[in-house]
Amino acid sequence: MFQGGKNMQDLMKKAKQMQQAMESQQKALEEKEFEASSGGGMVTVKMSGSGQLLSLKIDPEAVDPDDVEMLEDLIMAAIGEVQSKVNEASSEMMQGLTGGMKIPGLF
């Protein structure tokens, strides 16, 4: 076998190993749970690593019929925060797998 063929086999083997590692890390991320709150804990949101909303807890003191807009803002803030945590964990996972390389289609 010529040298170029061996290099290509090595490259394909490394690519397959990287794909398996990515799949394993992605599964681990999806099983992880993230939590965030807003309003000093008045609204708490829990989300899976896959982005599925798992729970939403609202402190009864946050429910003011005369200020529904404030409660809506608290909910949106908590959801935005937990989504940021999921996205950050996903980005960190990818950077760890790729060594910081920018691979088209992955980012």
PDB file of N, CA and C in Angstrom:
ATOM      1  N   MET A   1       0.855  -1.180   0.000  1.00  0.00           N
ATOM      2  CA  MET A   1       0.000   0.000   0.000  1.00  0.00           C
ATOM      3  C   MET A   1       0.897   1.238   0.000  1.00  0.00           C
ATOM      4  N   PHE A   2       0.536   2.221  -0.781  1.00  0.00           N
ATOM      5  CA  PHE A   2       1.353   3.430  -0.835  1.00  0.00           C
ATOM      6  C   PHE A   2       1.028   4.329   0.355  1.00  0.00           C
ATOM      7  N   GLN A   3       1.974   5.236   0.652  1.00  0.00           N
ATOM      8  CA  GLN A   3       1.898   6.081   1.857  1.00  0.00           C
ATOM      9  C   GLN A   3       0.595   6.891   1.917  1.00  0.00           C
ATOM     10  N   GLY A   4       0.158   7.427   0.783  1.00  0.00           N
ATOM     11  CA  GLY A   4      -1.056   8.239   0.767  1.00  0.00           C
ATOM     12  C   GLY A   4      -2.269   7.452   1.206  1.00  0.00           C
ATOM     13  N   GLY A   5      -2.342   6.177   0.859  1.00  0.00           N
ATOM     14  CA  GLY A   5      -3.465   5.330   1.257  1.00  0.00           C
ATOM     15  C   GLY A   5      -3.502   5.111   2.755  1.00  0.00           C
ATOM     16  N   LYS A   6      -2.346   4.924   3.365  1.00  0.00           N
ATOM     17  CA  LYS A   6      -2.281   4.738   4.815  1.00  0.00           C
ATOM     18  C   LYS A   6      -2.713   6.011   5.534  1.00  0.00           C
ATOM     19  N   ASN A   7      -2.261   7.155   5.040  1.00  0.00           N
ATOM     20  CA  ASN A   7      -2.656   8.425   5.649  1.00  0.00           C
ATOM     21  C   ASN A   7      -4.170   8.604   5.571  1.00  0.00           C
ATOM     22  N   MET A   8      -4.751   8.218   4.445  1.00  0.00           N
ATOM     23  CA  MET A   8      -6.202   8.353   4.275  1.00  0.00           C
ATOM     24  C   MET A   8      -6.927   7.410   5.238  1.00  0.00           C
ATOM     25  N   GLN A   9      -6.417   6.184   5.410  1.00  0.00           N
ATOM     26  CA  GLN A   9      -7.032   5.252   6.354  1.00  0.00           C
ATOM     27  C   GLN A   9      -6.953   5.795   7.775  1.00  0.00           C
ATOM     28  N   ASP A  10      -5.796   6.358   8.136  1.00  0.00           N
ATOM     29  CA  ASP A  10      -5.636   6.937   9.465  1.00  0.00           C
ATOM     30  C   ASP A  10      -6.606   8.095   9.666  1.00  0.00           C
ATOM     31  N   LEU A  11      -6.739   8.926   8.651  1.00  0.00           N
ATOM     32  CA  LEU A  11      -7.645  10.069   8.718  1.00  0.00           C
ATOM     33  C   LEU A  11      -9.089   9.601   8.878  1.00  0.00           C
ATOM     34  N   MET A  12      -9.484   8.589   8.134  1.00  0.00           N
ATOM     35  CA  MET A  12     -10.850   8.070   8.228  1.00  0.00           C
ATOM     36  C   MET A  12     -11.097   7.450   9.608  1.00  0.00           C
ATOM     37  N   LYS A  13     -10.089   6.759  10.137  1.00  0.00           N
ATOM     38  CA  LYS A  13     -10.210   6.158  11.460  1.00  0.00           C
ATOM     39  C   LYS A  13     -10.394   7.247  12.520  1.00  0.00           C
ATOM     40  N   LYS A  14      -9.604   8.321  12.420  1.00  0.00           N
ATOM     41  CA  LYS A  14      -9.727   9.429  13.378  1.00  0.00           C
ATOM     42  C   LYS A  14     -11.076  10.126  13.247  1.00  0.00           C
ATOM     43  N   ALA A  15     -11.560  10.263  12.014  1.00  0.00           N
ATOM     44  CA  ALA A  15     -12.861  10.896  11.801  1.00  0.00           C
ATOM     45  C   ALA A  15     -13.967  10.061  12.430  1.00  0.00           C
ATOM     46  N   LYS A  16     -13.883   8.748  12.292  1.00  0.00           N
ATOM     47  CA  LYS A  16     -14.890   7.871  12.886  1.00  0.00           C
ATOM     48  C   LYS A  16     -14.838   7.950  14.412  1.00  0.00           C
ATOM     49  N   GLN A  17     -13.621   7.983  14.976  1.00  0.00           N
ATOM     50  CA  GLN A  17     -13.479   8.107  16.429  1.00  0.00           C
ATOM     51  C   GLN A  17     -14.071   9.426  16.914  1.00  0.00           C
ATOM     52  N   MET A  18     -13.830  10.490  16.167  1.00  0.00           N
ATOM     53  CA  MET A  18     -14.358  11.803  16.538  1.00  0.00           C
ATOM     54  C   MET A  18     -15.889  11.786  16.474  1.00  0.00           C
ATOM     55  N   GLN A  19     -16.444  11.155  15.446  1.00  0.00           N
ATOM     56  CA  GLN A  19     -17.900  11.070  15.319  1.00  0.00           C
ATOM     57  C   GLN A  19     -18.497  10.307  16.497  1.00  0.00           C
ATOM     58  N   GLN A  20     -17.869   9.202  16.888  1.00  0.00           N
ATOM     59  CA  GLN A  20     -18.359   8.427  18.024  1.00  0.00           C
ATOM     60  C   GLN A  20     -18.281   9.238  19.314  1.00  0.00           C
ATOM     61  N   ALA A  21     -17.196   9.974  19.486  1.00  0.00           N
ATOM     62  CA  ALA A  21     -17.045  10.816  20.675  1.00  0.00           C
ATOM     63  C   ALA A  21     -18.109  11.911  20.691  1.00  0.00           C
ATOM     64  N   MET A  22     -18.374  12.493  19.534  1.00  0.00           N
ATOM     65  CA  MET A  22     -19.393  13.547  19.445  1.00  0.00           C
ATOM     66  C   MET A  22     -20.769  12.993  19.800  1.00  0.00           C
ATOM     67  N   GLU A  23     -21.091  11.821  19.281  1.00  0.00           N
ATOM     68  CA  GLU A  23     -22.389  11.215  19.574  1.00  0.00           C
ATOM     69  C   GLU A  23     -22.524  10.915  21.061  1.00  0.00           C
ATOM     70  N   SER A  24     -21.458  10.417  21.660  1.00  0.00           N
ATOM     71  CA  SER A  24     -21.466  10.109  23.082  1.00  0.00           C
ATOM     72  C   SER A  24     -21.637  11.380  23.916  1.00  0.00           C
ATOM     73  N   GLN A  25     -20.897  12.424  23.572  1.00  0.00           N
ATOM     74  CA  GLN A  25     -20.993  13.692  24.292  1.00  0.00           C
ATOM     75  C   GLN A  25     -22.370  14.324  24.108  1.00  0.00           C
ATOM     76  N   GLN A  26     -22.917  14.235  22.897  1.00  0.00           N
ATOM     77  CA  GLN A  26     -24.238  14.807  22.628  1.00  0.00           C
ATOM     78  C   GLN A  26     -25.293  14.109  23.473  1.00  0.00           C
ATOM     79  N   LYS A  27     -25.207  12.786  23.567  1.00  0.00           N
ATOM     80  CA  LYS A  27     -26.164  12.034  24.375  1.00  0.00           C
ATOM     81  C   LYS A  27     -26.050  12.442  25.845  1.00  0.00           C
ATOM     82  N   ALA A  28     -24.812  12.570  26.330  1.00  0.00           N
ATOM     83  CA  ALA A  28     -24.606  12.992  27.720  1.00  0.00           C
ATOM     84  C   ALA A  28     -25.184  14.382  27.955  1.00  0.00           C
ATOM     85  N   LEU A  29     -24.996  15.286  26.997  1.00  0.00           N
ATOM     86  CA  LEU A  29     -25.538  16.639  27.120  1.00  0.00           C
ATOM     87  C   LEU A  29     -27.061  16.604  27.155  1.00  0.00           C
ATOM     88  N   GLU A  30     -27.669  15.801  26.292  1.00  0.00           N
ATOM     89  CA  GLU A  30     -29.127  15.721  26.238  1.00  0.00           C
ATOM     90  C   GLU A  30     -29.719  15.204  27.539  1.00  0.00           C
ATOM     91  N   GLU A  31     -28.982  14.357  28.244  1.00  0.00           N
ATOM     92  CA  GLU A  31     -29.476  13.793  29.503  1.00  0.00           C
ATOM     93  C   GLU A  31     -29.267  14.735  30.690  1.00  0.00           C
ATOM     94  N   LYS A  32     -28.449  15.750  30.508  1.00  0.00           N
ATOM     95  CA  LYS A  32     -28.158  16.700  31.578  1.00  0.00           C
ATOM     96  C   LYS A  32     -29.329  17.671  31.754  1.00  0.00           C
ATOM     97  N   GLU A  33     -29.523  18.152  32.968  1.00  0.00           N
ATOM     98  CA  GLU A  33     -30.573  19.120  33.249  1.00  0.00           C
ATOM     99  C   GLU A  33     -29.947  20.445  33.665  1.00  0.00           C
ATOM    100  N   PHE A  34     -30.551  21.531  33.205  1.00  0.00           N
ATOM    101  CA  PHE A  34     -30.081  22.881  33.506  1.00  0.00           C
ATOM    102  C   PHE A  34     -31.219  23.635  34.164  1.00  0.00           C
ATOM    103  N   GLU A  35     -30.850  24.528  35.085  1.00  0.00           N
ATOM    104  CA  GLU A  35     -31.866  25.289  35.811  1.00  0.00           C
ATOM    105  C   GLU A  35     -31.454  26.750  35.891  1.00  0.00           C
ATOM    106  N   ALA A  36     -32.432  27.621  35.810  1.00  0.00           N
ATOM    107  CA  ALA A  36     -32.190  29.058  35.953  1.00  0.00           C
ATOM    108  C   ALA A  36     -33.424  29.675  36.591  1.00  0.00           C
ATOM    109  N   SER A  37     -33.213  30.819  37.230  1.00  0.00           N
ATOM    110  CA  SER A  37     -34.345  31.503  37.850  1.00  0.00           C
ATOM    111  C   SER A  37     -34.231  32.999  37.608  1.00  0.00           C
ATOM    112  N   SER A  38     -35.323  33.673  37.854  1.00  0.00           N
ATOM    113  CA  SER A  38     -35.343  35.131  37.732  1.00  0.00           C
ATOM    114  C   SER A  38     -36.178  35.692  38.873  1.00  0.00           C
ATOM    115  N   GLY A  39     -36.056  36.998  39.058  1.00  0.00           N
ATOM    116  CA  GLY A  39     -36.819  37.653  40.121  1.00  0.00           C
ATOM    117  C   GLY A  39     -36.449  37.148  41.501  1.00  0.00           C
ATOM    118  N   GLY A  40     -35.174  36.841  41.687  1.00  0.00           N
ATOM    119  CA  GLY A  40     -34.744  36.360  42.993  1.00  0.00           C
ATOM    120  C   GLY A  40     -35.344  35.008  43.355  1.00  0.00           C
ATOM    121  N   GLY A  41     -35.588  34.188  42.343  1.00  0.00           N
ATOM    122  CA  GLY A  41     -36.142  32.860  42.574  1.00  0.00           C
ATOM    123  C   GLY A  41     -37.648  32.790  42.464  1.00  0.00           C
ATOM    124  N   MET A  42     -38.262  33.894  42.062  1.00  0.00           N
ATOM    125  CA  MET A  42     -39.724  33.905  41.918  1.00  0.00           C
ATOM    126  C   MET A  42     -40.183  32.970  40.794  1.00  0.00           C
ATOM    127  N   VAL A  43     -39.358  32.852  39.750  1.00  0.00           N
ATOM    128  CA  VAL A  43     -39.654  31.961  38.629  1.00  0.00           C
ATOM    129  C   VAL A  43     -38.425  31.097  38.392  1.00  0.00           C
ATOM    130  N   THR A  44     -38.625  29.788  38.360  1.00  0.00           N
ATOM    131  CA  THR A  44     -37.525  28.852  38.134  1.00  0.00           C
ATOM    132  C   THR A  44     -37.892  27.929  36.973  1.00  0.00           C
ATOM    133  N   VAL A  45     -36.929  27.766  36.064  1.00  0.00           N
ATOM    134  CA  VAL A  45     -37.145  26.947  34.873  1.00  0.00           C
ATOM    135  C   VAL A  45     -36.077  25.865  34.830  1.00  0.00           C
ATOM    136  N   LYS A  46     -36.494  24.658  34.457  1.00  0.00           N
ATOM    137  CA  LYS A  46     -35.565  23.548  34.276  1.00  0.00           C
ATOM    138  C   LYS A  46     -35.697  23.072  32.829  1.00  0.00           C
ATOM    139  N   MET A  47     -34.532  22.835  32.171  1.00  0.00           N
ATOM    140  CA  MET A  47     -34.519  22.435  30.774  1.00  0.00           C
ATOM    141  C   MET A  47     -33.492  21.329  30.579  1.00  0.00           C
ATOM    142  N   SER A  48     -33.785  20.416  29.650  1.00  0.00           N
ATOM    143  CA  SER A  48     -32.826  19.364  29.323  1.00  0.00           C
ATOM    144  C   SER A  48     -31.768  19.923  28.379  1.00  0.00           C
ATOM    145  N   GLY A  49     -30.684  19.196  28.240  1.00  0.00           N
ATOM    146  CA  GLY A  49     -29.618  19.600  27.329  1.00  0.00           C
ATOM    147  C   GLY A  49     -30.044  19.589  25.881  1.00  0.00           C
ATOM    148  N   SER A  50     -31.153  18.930  25.577  1.00  0.00           N
ATOM    149  CA  SER A  50     -31.667  18.929  24.208  1.00  0.00           C
ATOM    150  C   SER A  50     -32.601  20.110  23.961  1.00  0.00           C
ATOM    151  N   GLY A  51     -32.832  20.905  25.007  1.00  0.00           N
ATOM    152  CA  GLY A  51     -33.667  22.088  24.857  1.00  0.00           C
ATOM    153  C   GLY A  51     -35.126  21.880  25.212  1.00  0.00           C
ATOM    154  N   GLN A  52     -35.462  20.718  25.766  1.00  0.00           N
ATOM    155  CA  GLN A  52     -36.843  20.454  26.158  1.00  0.00           C
ATOM    156  C   GLN A  52     -37.115  21.084  27.518  1.00  0.00           C
ATOM    157  N   LEU A  53     -38.181  21.857  27.611  1.00  0.00           N
ATOM    158  CA  LEU A  53     -38.582  22.469  28.872  1.00  0.00           C
ATOM    159  C   LEU A  53     -39.111  21.373  29.784  1.00  0.00           C
ATOM    160  N   LEU A  54     -38.486  21.199  30.949  1.00  0.00           N
ATOM    161  CA  LEU A  54     -38.862  20.123  31.862  1.00  0.00           C
ATOM    162  C   LEU A  54     -39.806  20.583  32.955  1.00  0.00           C
ATOM    163  N   SER A  55     -39.574  21.800  33.471  1.00  0.00           N
ATOM    164  CA  SER A  55     -40.474  22.298  34.509  1.00  0.00           C
ATOM    165  C   SER A  55     -40.405  23.812  34.585  1.00  0.00           C
ATOM    166  N   LEU A  56     -41.481  24.366  35.101  1.00  0.00           N
ATOM    167  CA  LEU A  56     -41.604  25.803  35.319  1.00  0.00           C
ATOM    168  C   LEU A  56     -42.272  25.971  36.673  1.00  0.00           C
ATOM    169  N   LYS A  57     -41.592  26.632  37.612  1.00  0.00           N
ATOM    170  CA  LYS A  57     -42.157  26.860  38.941  1.00  0.00           C
ATOM    171  C   LYS A  57     -42.296  28.365  39.150  1.00  0.00           C
ATOM    172  N   ILE A  58     -43.468  28.737  39.639  1.00  0.00           N
ATOM    173  CA  ILE A  58     -43.760  30.144  39.890  1.00  0.00           C
ATOM    174  C   ILE A  58     -44.147  30.301  41.355  1.00  0.00           C
ATOM    175  N   ASP A  59     -43.426  31.142  42.062  1.00  0.00           N
ATOM    176  CA  ASP A  59     -43.742  31.440  43.453  1.00  0.00           C
ATOM    177  C   ASP A  59     -45.091  32.167  43.465  1.00  0.00           C
ATOM    178  N   PRO A  60     -46.020  31.726  44.298  1.00  0.00           N
ATOM    179  CA  PRO A  60     -47.336  32.376  44.338  1.00  0.00           C
ATOM    180  C   PRO A  60     -47.262  33.890  44.567  1.00  0.00           C
ATOM    181  N   GLU A  61     -46.214  34.350  45.244  1.00  0.00           N
ATOM    182  CA  GLU A  61     -46.079  35.784  45.487  1.00  0.00           C
ATOM    183  C   GLU A  61     -45.812  36.557  44.193  1.00  0.00           C
ATOM    184  N   ALA A  62     -45.370  35.856  43.146  1.00  0.00           N
ATOM    185  CA  ALA A  62     -45.094  36.513  41.872  1.00  0.00           C
ATOM    186  C   ALA A  62     -46.370  36.733  41.061  1.00  0.00           C
ATOM    187  N   VAL A  63     -47.452  36.130  41.506  1.00  0.00           N
ATOM    188  CA  VAL A  63     -48.714  36.221  40.760  1.00  0.00           C
ATOM    189  C   VAL A  63     -49.513  37.418  41.274  1.00  0.00           C
ATOM    190  N   ASP A  64     -49.481  38.484  40.488  1.00  0.00           N
ATOM    191  CA  ASP A  64     -50.234  39.698  40.794  1.00  0.00           C
ATOM    192  C   ASP A  64     -51.165  39.959  39.621  1.00  0.00           C
ATOM    193  N   PRO A  65     -52.457  39.758  39.809  1.00  0.00           N
ATOM    194  CA  PRO A  65     -53.402  39.940  38.696  1.00  0.00           C
ATOM    195  C   PRO A  65     -53.341  41.334  38.076  1.00  0.00           C
ATOM    196  N   ASP A  66     -52.842  42.305  38.829  1.00  0.00           N
ATOM    197  CA  ASP A  66     -52.748  43.663  38.304  1.00  0.00           C
ATOM    198  C   ASP A  66     -51.443  43.908  37.563  1.00  0.00           C
ATOM    199  N   ASP A  67     -50.527  42.935  37.589  1.00  0.00           N
ATOM    200  CA  ASP A  67     -49.240  43.106  36.915  1.00  0.00           C
ATOM    201  C   ASP A  67     -48.797  41.794  36.260  1.00  0.00           C
ATOM    202  N   VAL A  68     -49.624  41.303  35.365  1.00  0.00           N
ATOM    203  CA  VAL A  68     -49.331  40.062  34.640  1.00  0.00           C
ATOM    204  C   VAL A  68     -48.077  40.236  33.788  1.00  0.00           C
ATOM    205  N   GLU A  69     -47.860  41.441  33.287  1.00  0.00           N
ATOM    206  CA  GLU A  69     -46.696  41.709  32.441  1.00  0.00           C
ATOM    207  C   GLU A  69     -45.384  41.430  33.173  1.00  0.00           C
ATOM    208  N   MET A  70     -45.323  41.753  34.462  1.00  0.00           N
ATOM    209  CA  MET A  70     -44.108  41.488  35.227  1.00  0.00           C
ATOM    210  C   MET A  70     -43.845  39.975  35.294  1.00  0.00           C
ATOM    211  N   LEU A  71     -44.877  39.188  35.530  1.00  0.00           N
ATOM    212  CA  LEU A  71     -44.729  37.735  35.587  1.00  0.00           C
ATOM    213  C   LEU A  71     -44.281  37.193  34.238  1.00  0.00           C
ATOM    214  N   GLU A  72     -44.854  37.699  33.169  1.00  0.00           N
ATOM    215  CA  GLU A  72     -44.434  37.288  31.822  1.00  0.00           C
ATOM    216  C   GLU A  72     -42.952  37.588  31.604  1.00  0.00           C
ATOM    217  N   ASP A  73     -42.516  38.759  32.032  1.00  0.00           N
ATOM    218  CA  ASP A  73     -41.105  39.136  31.895  1.00  0.00           C
ATOM    219  C   ASP A  73     -40.199  38.210  32.705  1.00  0.00           C
ATOM    220  N   LEU A  74     -40.624  37.858  33.909  1.00  0.00           N
ATOM    221  CA  LEU A  74     -39.839  36.950  34.745  1.00  0.00           C
ATOM    222  C   LEU A  74     -39.712  35.570  34.094  1.00  0.00           C
ATOM    223  N   ILE A  75     -40.809  35.095  33.517  1.00  0.00           N
ATOM    224  CA  ILE A  75     -40.790  33.795  32.841  1.00  0.00           C
ATOM    225  C   ILE A  75     -39.860  33.842  31.639  1.00  0.00           C
ATOM    226  N   MET A  76     -39.974  34.884  30.838  1.00  0.00           N
ATOM    227  CA  MET A  76     -39.117  35.015  29.652  1.00  0.00           C
ATOM    228  C   MET A  76     -37.649  35.119  30.052  1.00  0.00           C
ATOM    229  N   ALA A  77     -37.359  35.843  31.118  1.00  0.00           N
ATOM    230  CA  ALA A  77     -35.970  35.995  31.573  1.00  0.00           C
ATOM    231  C   ALA A  77     -35.402  34.651  32.036  1.00  0.00           C
ATOM    232  N   ALA A  78     -36.180  33.885  32.779  1.00  0.00           N
ATOM    233  CA  ALA A  78     -35.711  32.584  33.265  1.00  0.00           C
ATOM    234  C   ALA A  78     -35.499  31.612  32.114  1.00  0.00           C
ATOM    235  N   ILE A  79     -36.408  31.597  31.158  1.00  0.00           N
ATOM    236  CA  ILE A  79     -36.254  30.717  29.993  1.00  0.00           C
ATOM    237  C   ILE A  79     -35.029  31.128  29.184  1.00  0.00           C
ATOM    238  N   GLY A  80     -34.843  32.424  28.971  1.00  0.00           N
ATOM    239  CA  GLY A  80     -33.671  32.903  28.232  1.00  0.00           C
ATOM    240  C   GLY A  80     -32.376  32.513  28.920  1.00  0.00           C
ATOM    241  N   GLU A  81     -32.344  32.596  30.233  1.00  0.00           N
ATOM    242  CA  GLU A  81     -31.137  32.248  30.999  1.00  0.00           C
ATOM    243  C   GLU A  81     -30.829  30.755  30.896  1.00  0.00           C
ATOM    244  N   VAL A  82     -31.848  29.920  31.031  1.00  0.00           N
ATOM    245  CA  VAL A  82     -31.599  28.483  30.967  1.00  0.00           C
ATOM    246  C   VAL A  82     -31.197  28.071  29.545  1.00  0.00           C
ATOM    247  N   GLN A  83     -31.766  28.711  28.529  1.00  0.00           N
ATOM    248  CA  GLN A  83     -31.354  28.427  27.150  1.00  0.00           C
ATOM    249  C   GLN A  83     -29.893  28.811  26.936  1.00  0.00           C
ATOM    250  N   SER A  84     -29.470  29.917  27.518  1.00  0.00           N
ATOM    251  CA  SER A  84     -28.070  30.329  27.419  1.00  0.00           C
ATOM    252  C   SER A  84     -27.154  29.295  28.056  1.00  0.00           C
ATOM    253  N   LYS A  85     -27.564  28.736  29.190  1.00  0.00           N
ATOM    254  CA  LYS A  85     -26.759  27.711  29.855  1.00  0.00           C
ATOM    255  C   LYS A  85     -26.633  26.459  28.983  1.00  0.00           C
ATOM    256  N   VAL A  86     -27.724  26.047  28.355  1.00  0.00           N
ATOM    257  CA  VAL A  86     -27.700  24.877  27.474  1.00  0.00           C
ATOM    258  C   VAL A  86     -26.789  25.146  26.279  1.00  0.00           C
ATOM    259  N   ASN A  87     -26.933  26.327  25.662  1.00  0.00           N
ATOM    260  CA  ASN A  87     -26.104  26.672  24.503  1.00  0.00           C
ATOM    261  C   ASN A  87     -24.632  26.741  24.865  1.00  0.00           C
ATOM    262  N   GLU A  88     -24.323  27.295  26.027  1.00  0.00           N
ATOM    263  CA  GLU A  88     -22.934  27.395  26.470  1.00  0.00           C
ATOM    264  C   GLU A  88     -22.333  26.005  26.688  1.00  0.00           C
ATOM    265  N   ALA A  89     -23.097  25.120  27.313  1.00  0.00           N
ATOM    266  CA  ALA A  89     -22.609  23.759  27.552  1.00  0.00           C
ATOM    267  C   ALA A  89     -22.383  23.028  26.226  1.00  0.00           C
ATOM    268  N   SER A  90     -23.273  23.249  25.279  1.00  0.00           N
ATOM    269  CA  SER A  90     -23.125  22.624  23.964  1.00  0.00           C
ATOM    270  C   SER A  90     -21.878  23.143  23.249  1.00  0.00           C
ATOM    271  N   SER A  91     -21.663  24.443  23.303  1.00  0.00           N
ATOM    272  CA  SER A  91     -20.479  25.037  22.671  1.00  0.00           C
ATOM    273  C   SER A  91     -19.198  24.540  23.315  1.00  0.00           C
ATOM    274  N   GLU A  92     -19.190  24.452  24.634  1.00  0.00           N
ATOM    275  CA  GLU A  92     -18.007  23.957  25.344  1.00  0.00           C
ATOM    276  C   GLU A  92     -17.716  22.510  24.966  1.00  0.00           C
ATOM    277  N   MET A  93     -18.780  21.705  24.827  1.00  0.00           N
ATOM    278  CA  MET A  93     -18.607  20.312  24.442  1.00  0.00           C
ATOM    279  C   MET A  93     -17.964  20.217  23.066  1.00  0.00           C
ATOM    280  N   MET A  94     -18.456  21.019  22.126  1.00  0.00           N
ATOM    281  CA  MET A  94     -17.929  20.972  20.764  1.00  0.00           C
ATOM    282  C   MET A  94     -16.481  21.461  20.725  1.00  0.00           C
ATOM    283  N   GLN A  95     -16.168  22.496  21.468  1.00  0.00           N
ATOM    284  CA  GLN A  95     -14.795  22.996  21.496  1.00  0.00           C
ATOM    285  C   GLN A  95     -13.857  21.960  22.087  1.00  0.00           C
ATOM    286  N   GLY A  96     -14.334  21.234  23.087  1.00  0.00           N
ATOM    287  CA  GLY A  96     -13.518  20.190  23.685  1.00  0.00           C
ATOM    288  C   GLY A  96     -13.235  19.064  22.708  1.00  0.00           C
ATOM    289  N   LEU A  97     -14.224  18.748  21.882  1.00  0.00           N
ATOM    290  CA  LEU A  97     -14.051  17.664  20.913  1.00  0.00           C
ATOM    291  C   LEU A  97     -13.191  18.067  19.727  1.00  0.00           C
ATOM    292  N   THR A  98     -13.319  19.316  19.311  1.00  0.00           N
ATOM    293  CA  THR A  98     -12.611  19.744  18.104  1.00  0.00           C
ATOM    294  C   THR A  98     -11.325  20.487  18.413  1.00  0.00           C
ATOM    295  N   GLY A  99     -11.027  20.666  19.676  1.00  0.00           N
ATOM    296  CA  GLY A  99      -9.814  21.389  20.042  1.00  0.00           C
ATOM    297  C   GLY A  99      -9.865  22.846  19.620  1.00  0.00           C
ATOM    298  N   GLY A 100     -11.064  23.398  19.513  1.00  0.00           N
ATOM    299  CA  GLY A 100     -11.226  24.804  19.142  1.00  0.00           C
ATOM    300  C   GLY A 100     -11.250  25.045  17.644  1.00  0.00           C
ATOM    301  N   MET A 101     -11.100  23.968  16.837  1.00  0.00           N
ATOM    302  CA  MET A 101     -11.138  24.150  15.372  1.00  0.00           C
ATOM    303  C   MET A 101     -12.542  24.525  14.939  1.00  0.00           C
ATOM    304  N   LYS A 102     -12.650  25.397  13.981  1.00  0.00           N
ATOM    305  CA  LYS A 102     -13.948  25.759  13.414  1.00  0.00           C
ATOM    306  C   LYS A 102     -14.235  24.814  12.251  1.00  0.00           C
ATOM    307  N   ILE A 103     -15.150  23.881  12.465  1.00  0.00           N
ATOM    308  CA  ILE A 103     -15.486  22.915  11.440  1.00  0.00           C
ATOM    309  C   ILE A 103     -16.822  23.328  10.828  1.00  0.00           C
ATOM    310  N   PRO A 104     -16.859  23.619   9.526  1.00  0.00           N
ATOM    311  CA  PRO A 104     -18.096  24.053   8.875  1.00  0.00           C
ATOM    312  C   PRO A 104     -19.218  23.048   9.105  1.00  0.00           C
ATOM    313  N   GLY A 105     -20.381  23.562   9.422  1.00  0.00           N
ATOM    314  CA  GLY A 105     -21.539  22.726   9.642  1.00  0.00           C
ATOM    315  C   GLY A 105     -21.736  22.327  11.093  1.00  0.00           C
ATOM    316  N   LEU A 106     -20.739  22.521  11.925  1.00  0.00           N
ATOM    317  CA  LEU A 106     -20.870  22.149  13.344  1.00  0.00           C
ATOM    318  C   LEU A 106     -21.150  23.367  14.210  1.00  0.00           C
ATOM    319  N   PHE A 107     -20.916  24.555  13.689  1.00  0.00           N
ATOM    320  CA  PHE A 107     -21.103  25.765  14.494  1.00  0.00           C
ATOM    321  C   PHE A 107     -22.014  26.721  13.797  1.00  0.00           C
TER     322      PHE A 107
END
